[in-house]
Amino acid sequence: MPERSEGEVEHSRAVRAMFGGIARRYDLLNHLLSANTDKRWRRKVRIRLESVLADSGALVLDVACGTGDLAIELQRGSDARIIGTDFCRPMLDIAKSKEPGIPFVEGDALSLSYPDSTFDAVSIAFGLRNLANVEAGLCEMRRVLKPGARLVILEFSSPVLPGFRGLFRIYFNKVLPRVGGFVSGERGAYEYLPDSVSKFPDQKGLSTMMEATGFTEVEFTNLTGGIAAIHTGIRG
């Protein structure tokens, strides 16, 4: 893997520290600020991977797993083996306390500690935009996928309904940082959220980026008017 720039190293360090600081309140605020919509979005990811999850011989990696919500959702009713990985130890500690049966492994999404062509599916939820180098992260996830295996990305995106878009931006940029900061005591983390989303590619932009990093059959589905989207791609 190419050597990281000083800016990328500093970005990773800052993101790790930020999530470590909000780990204890992370789940509460996710569910509160989304009115539990985030749970429904994760269920949709599981549905996308149903055929893989039904295979007792399959191995699935959830990257940037945080406190483990998606990995736990994928395990529900699954015959496959699920592994979660994240570079923030406090988040992983919470994940392990919620579901000791899933291996939660400390690791960096930009340098995954697995051989090429290891996994039958890879997922990442609300973590891709936090990577210091999104393209490098996509390449690394592609590397550990078996040929023909699927990547599923759940990420905030660009609302597609004009009236709704304006209301959502007011909530996302004004209300969310205040509530998140009050509950967590870390307002900076909840100011970072809308800022990171505003700088992240929209639905078509991410699709183009996936194709440029070697994924085929790239598709996306908008969720809740485009607040978030599920992107899928196949390792060619």
Foldseek 3Di string as FASTA:
>chain_A
DDDDDPQQVVLVVVVLVLCLLQQVCVVVLVCVLVVNVVLVVLLVVLVVCVVQQQDLDFEEEEEQCFLPSSQVSNPVVGNYAYEYEHQHVSRLVNNCVVPVVHHYYYDDLLDDPAAFQAGLEYEYEACLLSRSDNLSSLLSRLRNHHAFHKYKYKHFAQFDDVVVRVVVCCCQQPVQLVVVCVVSVCSVSSNVVVVSRVPDHHPVVVQVSNVVSAWPPWDKDADPRRRIIMIMTGRD
